[in-house]
PDB file of N, CA and C in Angstrom:
ATOM      1  N   MET A   1     -53.441  58.278   5.052  1.00  0.00           N
ATOM      2  CA  MET A   1     -52.974  58.224   6.457  1.00  0.00           C
ATOM      3  C   MET A   1     -51.510  58.416   6.505  1.00  0.00           C
ATOM      4  N   THR A   2     -51.064  59.175   7.517  1.00  0.00           N
ATOM      5  CA  THR A   2     -49.604  59.525   7.630  1.00  0.00           C
ATOM      6  C   THR A   2     -48.943  58.451   8.515  1.00  0.00           C
ATOM      7  N   HIS A   3     -47.741  58.078   8.141  1.00  0.00           N
ATOM      8  CA  HIS A   3     -46.916  57.172   8.888  1.00  0.00           C
ATOM      9  C   HIS A   3     -45.921  57.881   9.774  1.00  0.00           C
ATOM     10  N   ILE A   4     -45.711  57.366  11.039  1.00  0.00           N
ATOM     11  CA  ILE A   4     -44.754  58.022  11.915  1.00  0.00           C
ATOM     12  C   ILE A   4     -43.965  56.902  12.607  1.00  0.00           C
ATOM     13  N   THR A   5     -42.821  57.278  13.159  1.00  0.00           N
ATOM     14  CA  THR A   5     -42.003  56.408  13.953  1.00  0.00           C
ATOM     15  C   THR A   5     -41.989  56.959  15.364  1.00  0.00           C
ATOM     16  N   ILE A   6     -42.268  56.109  16.397  1.00  0.00           N
ATOM     17  CA  ILE A   6     -42.191  56.515  17.756  1.00  0.00           C
ATOM     18  C   ILE A   6     -41.196  55.710  18.538  1.00  0.00           C
ATOM     19  N   SER A   7     -40.729  56.251  19.647  1.00  0.00           N
ATOM     20  CA  SER A   7     -39.847  55.587  20.546  1.00  0.00           C
ATOM     21  C   SER A   7     -40.598  55.343  21.825  1.00  0.00           C
ATOM     22  N   LEU A   8     -40.530  54.068  22.339  1.00  0.00           N
ATOM     23  CA  LEU A   8     -41.272  53.673  23.507  1.00  0.00           C
ATOM     24  C   LEU A   8     -40.264  53.097  24.460  1.00  0.00           C
ATOM     25  N   ASP A   9     -40.503  53.239  25.827  1.00  0.00           N
ATOM     26  CA  ASP A   9     -39.758  52.494  26.814  1.00  0.00           C
ATOM     27  C   ASP A   9     -40.121  51.073  26.614  1.00  0.00           C
ATOM     28  N   LYS A  10     -39.193  50.164  27.054  1.00  0.00           N
ATOM     29  CA  LYS A  10     -39.419  48.772  26.953  1.00  0.00           C
ATOM     30  C   LYS A  10     -40.703  48.236  27.611  1.00  0.00           C
ATOM     31  N   LYS A  11     -41.029  48.833  28.774  1.00  0.00           N
ATOM     32  CA  LYS A  11     -42.248  48.449  29.460  1.00  0.00           C
ATOM     33  C   LYS A  11     -43.493  48.826  28.740  1.00  0.00           C
ATOM     34  N   ASP A  12     -43.481  50.015  28.062  1.00  0.00           N
ATOM     35  CA  ASP A  12     -44.609  50.351  27.226  1.00  0.00           C
ATOM     36  C   ASP A  12     -44.715  49.563  25.937  1.00  0.00           C
ATOM     37  N   LYS A  13     -43.711  49.202  25.370  1.00  0.00           N
ATOM     38  CA  LYS A  13     -43.675  48.308  24.141  1.00  0.00           C
ATOM     39  C   LYS A  13     -44.170  46.940  24.570  1.00  0.00           C
ATOM     40  N   SER A  14     -43.729  46.441  25.725  1.00  0.00           N
ATOM     41  CA  SER A  14     -44.229  45.132  26.160  1.00  0.00           C
ATOM     42  C   SER A  14     -45.739  45.140  26.381  1.00  0.00           C
ATOM     43  N   TRP A  15     -46.215  46.251  27.018  1.00  0.00           N
ATOM     44  CA  TRP A  15     -47.609  46.385  27.237  1.00  0.00           C
ATOM     45  C   TRP A  15     -48.425  46.404  25.890  1.00  0.00           C
ATOM     46  N   LEU A  16     -47.886  47.180  24.974  1.00  0.00           N
ATOM     47  CA  LEU A  16     -48.535  47.236  23.640  1.00  0.00           C
ATOM     48  C   LEU A  16     -48.493  45.893  22.939  1.00  0.00           C
ATOM     49  N   ASP A  17     -47.474  45.131  23.038  1.00  0.00           N
ATOM     50  CA  ASP A  17     -47.355  43.775  22.502  1.00  0.00           C
ATOM     51  C   ASP A  17     -48.440  42.917  23.091  1.00  0.00           C
ATOM     52  N   LYS A  18     -48.579  42.968  24.378  1.00  0.00           N
ATOM     53  CA  LYS A  18     -49.502  42.088  25.231  1.00  0.00           C
ATOM     54  C   LYS A  18     -50.949  42.513  24.809  1.00  0.00           C
ATOM     55  N   LYS A  19     -51.226  43.788  24.769  1.00  0.00           N
ATOM     56  CA  LYS A  19     -52.561  44.242  24.460  1.00  0.00           C
ATOM     57  C   LYS A  19     -52.956  43.841  22.969  1.00  0.00           C
ATOM     58  N   SER A  20     -52.029  43.898  22.093  1.00  0.00           N
ATOM     59  CA  SER A  20     -52.248  43.484  20.701  1.00  0.00           C
ATOM     60  C   SER A  20     -52.627  42.002  20.654  1.00  0.00           C
ATOM     61  N   ALA A  21     -51.852  41.220  21.397  1.00  0.00           N
ATOM     62  CA  ALA A  21     -52.123  39.750  21.375  1.00  0.00           C
ATOM     63  C   ALA A  21     -53.459  39.509  22.032  1.00  0.00           C
ATOM     64  N   GLU A  22     -53.800  40.157  23.097  1.00  0.00           N
ATOM     65  CA  GLU A  22     -55.042  39.922  23.858  1.00  0.00           C
ATOM     66  C   GLU A  22     -56.285  40.307  22.983  1.00  0.00           C
ATOM     67  N   THR A  23     -56.146  41.384  22.242  1.00  0.00           N
ATOM     68  CA  THR A  23     -57.314  41.906  21.508  1.00  0.00           C
ATOM     69  C   THR A  23     -57.347  41.443  20.057  1.00  0.00           C
ATOM     70  N   GLY A  24     -56.170  41.039  19.515  1.00  0.00           N
ATOM     71  CA  GLY A  24     -56.141  40.689  18.129  1.00  0.00           C
ATOM     72  C   GLY A  24     -56.031  41.875  17.203  1.00  0.00           C
ATOM     73  N   MET A  25     -55.880  43.057  17.820  1.00  0.00           N
ATOM     74  CA  MET A  25     -55.747  44.303  17.030  1.00  0.00           C
ATOM     75  C   MET A  25     -54.308  44.619  16.743  1.00  0.00           C
ATOM     76  N   PRO A  26     -54.014  45.200  15.635  1.00  0.00           N
ATOM     77  CA  PRO A  26     -52.623  45.653  15.330  1.00  0.00           C
ATOM     78  C   PRO A  26     -52.273  46.721  16.369  1.00  0.00           C
ATOM     79  N   MET A  27     -50.951  46.846  16.647  1.00  0.00           N
ATOM     80  CA  MET A  27     -50.495  47.850  17.599  1.00  0.00           C
ATOM     81  C   MET A  27     -50.833  49.201  17.055  1.00  0.00           C
ATOM     82  N   SER A  28     -50.736  49.476  15.797  1.00  0.00           N
ATOM     83  CA  SER A  28     -51.076  50.769  15.255  1.00  0.00           C
ATOM     84  C   SER A  28     -52.522  51.143  15.507  1.00  0.00           C
ATOM     85  N   GLU A  29     -53.478  50.204  15.475  1.00  0.00           N
ATOM     86  CA  GLU A  29     -54.845  50.500  15.785  1.00  0.00           C
ATOM     87  C   GLU A  29     -55.065  50.891  17.254  1.00  0.00           C
ATOM     88  N   ILE A  30     -54.336  50.183  18.101  1.00  0.00           N
ATOM     89  CA  ILE A  30     -54.433  50.487  19.504  1.00  0.00           C
ATOM     90  C   ILE A  30     -53.904  51.914  19.812  1.00  0.00           C
ATOM     91  N   VAL A  31     -52.818  52.333  19.170  1.00  0.00           N
ATOM     92  CA  VAL A  31     -52.303  53.639  19.331  1.00  0.00           C
ATOM     93  C   VAL A  31     -53.326  54.690  18.755  1.00  0.00           C
ATOM     94  N   ARG A  32     -53.911  54.376  17.547  1.00  0.00           N
ATOM     95  CA  ARG A  32     -54.873  55.325  17.014  1.00  0.00           C
ATOM     96  C   ARG A  32     -56.054  55.438  17.972  1.00  0.00           C
ATOM     97  N   GLN A  33     -56.581  54.406  18.499  1.00  0.00           N
ATOM     98  CA  GLN A  33     -57.757  54.473  19.434  1.00  0.00           C
ATOM     99  C   GLN A  33     -57.390  55.236  20.660  1.00  0.00           C
ATOM    100  N   THR A  34     -56.209  55.003  21.163  1.00  0.00           N
ATOM    101  CA  THR A  34     -55.790  55.667  22.346  1.00  0.00           C
ATOM    102  C   THR A  34     -55.638  57.239  22.129  1.00  0.00           C
ATOM    103  N   ILE A  35     -55.115  57.591  21.059  1.00  0.00           N
ATOM    104  CA  ILE A  35     -55.060  59.011  20.679  1.00  0.00           C
ATOM    105  C   ILE A  35     -56.420  59.565  20.556  1.00  0.00           C
ATOM    106  N   SER A  36     -57.295  58.877  19.849  1.00  0.00           N
ATOM    107  CA  SER A  36     -58.595  59.319  19.646  1.00  0.00           C
ATOM    108  C   SER A  36     -59.329  59.535  21.041  1.00  0.00           C
ATOM    109  N   GLY A  37     -59.129  58.570  21.919  1.00  0.00           N
ATOM    110  CA  GLY A  37     -59.690  58.644  23.240  1.00  0.00           C
ATOM    111  C   GLY A  37     -59.235  59.866  24.033  1.00  0.00           C
ATOM    112  N   CYS A  38     -57.946  60.151  23.829  1.00  0.00           N
ATOM    113  CA  CYS A  38     -57.363  61.312  24.572  1.00  0.00           C
ATOM    114  C   CYS A  38     -57.922  62.592  24.019  1.00  0.00           C
ATOM    115  N   ARG A  39     -58.254  62.592  22.796  1.00  0.00           N
ATOM    116  CA  ARG A  39     -58.768  63.786  22.113  1.00  0.00           C
ATOM    117  C   ARG A  39     -60.236  63.926  22.324  1.00  0.00           C
ATOM    118  N   GLY A  40     -60.903  62.876  22.907  1.00  0.00           N
ATOM    119  CA  GLY A  40     -62.370  62.939  23.141  1.00  0.00           C
ATOM    120  C   GLY A  40     -63.195  62.554  21.952  1.00  0.00           C
ATOM    121  N   LYS A  41     -62.577  61.826  21.023  1.00  0.00           N
ATOM    122  CA  LYS A  41     -63.300  61.400  19.807  1.00  0.00           C
ATOM    123  C   LYS A  41     -63.970  60.083  20.082  1.00  0.00           C
ATOM    124  N   LYS A  42     -64.894  59.715  19.228  1.00  0.00           N
ATOM    125  CA  LYS A  42     -65.504  58.419  19.266  1.00  0.00           C
ATOM    126  C   LYS A  42     -64.496  57.323  18.971  1.00  0.00           C
ATOM    127  N   LYS A  43     -64.637  56.129  19.587  1.00  0.00           N
ATOM    128  CA  LYS A  43     -63.734  54.992  19.316  1.00  0.00           C
ATOM    129  C   LYS A  43     -63.944  54.561  17.908  1.00  0.00           C
ATOM    130  N   ARG A  44     -62.785  54.392  17.156  1.00  0.00           N
ATOM    131  CA  ARG A  44     -62.809  53.850  15.839  1.00  0.00           C
ATOM    132  C   ARG A  44     -63.166  52.400  15.850  1.00  0.00           C
ATOM    133  N   PRO A  45     -63.869  51.866  14.893  1.00  0.00           N
ATOM    134  CA  PRO A  45     -64.145  50.438  14.716  1.00  0.00           C
ATOM    135  C   PRO A  45     -62.800  49.738  14.535  1.00  0.00           C
ATOM    136  N   SER A  46     -62.685  48.590  15.126  1.00  0.00           N
ATOM    137  CA  SER A  46     -61.386  47.869  15.020  1.00  0.00           C
ATOM    138  C   SER A  46     -61.364  47.272  13.586  1.00  0.00           C
ATOM    139  N   THR A  47     -60.050  47.148  13.138  1.00  0.00           N
ATOM    140  CA  THR A  47     -59.893  46.542  11.799  1.00  0.00           C
ATOM    141  C   THR A  47     -59.188  45.211  11.981  1.00  0.00           C
ATOM    142  N   SER A  48     -59.372  44.302  11.094  1.00  0.00           N
ATOM    143  CA  SER A  48     -58.703  43.078  11.156  1.00  0.00           C
ATOM    144  C   SER A  48     -57.318  43.189  10.597  1.00  0.00           C
ATOM    145  N   ARG A  49     -56.422  42.314  10.965  1.00  0.00           N
ATOM    146  CA  ARG A  49     -55.093  42.266  10.476  1.00  0.00           C
ATOM    147  C   ARG A  49     -54.986  41.961   9.014  1.00  0.00           C
TER     148      ARG A  49
END
């Protein structure tokens, strides 16, 4: 898997923090699932921390 660094607005980072806390998923998995969804791929199974 390739590693990247992204820049987010504060409101987007806050949303990602909140979503991670709510779901128990790492932020990186939320980003991967979102990208897969945008590309029309099946949802990846969630991984534990």
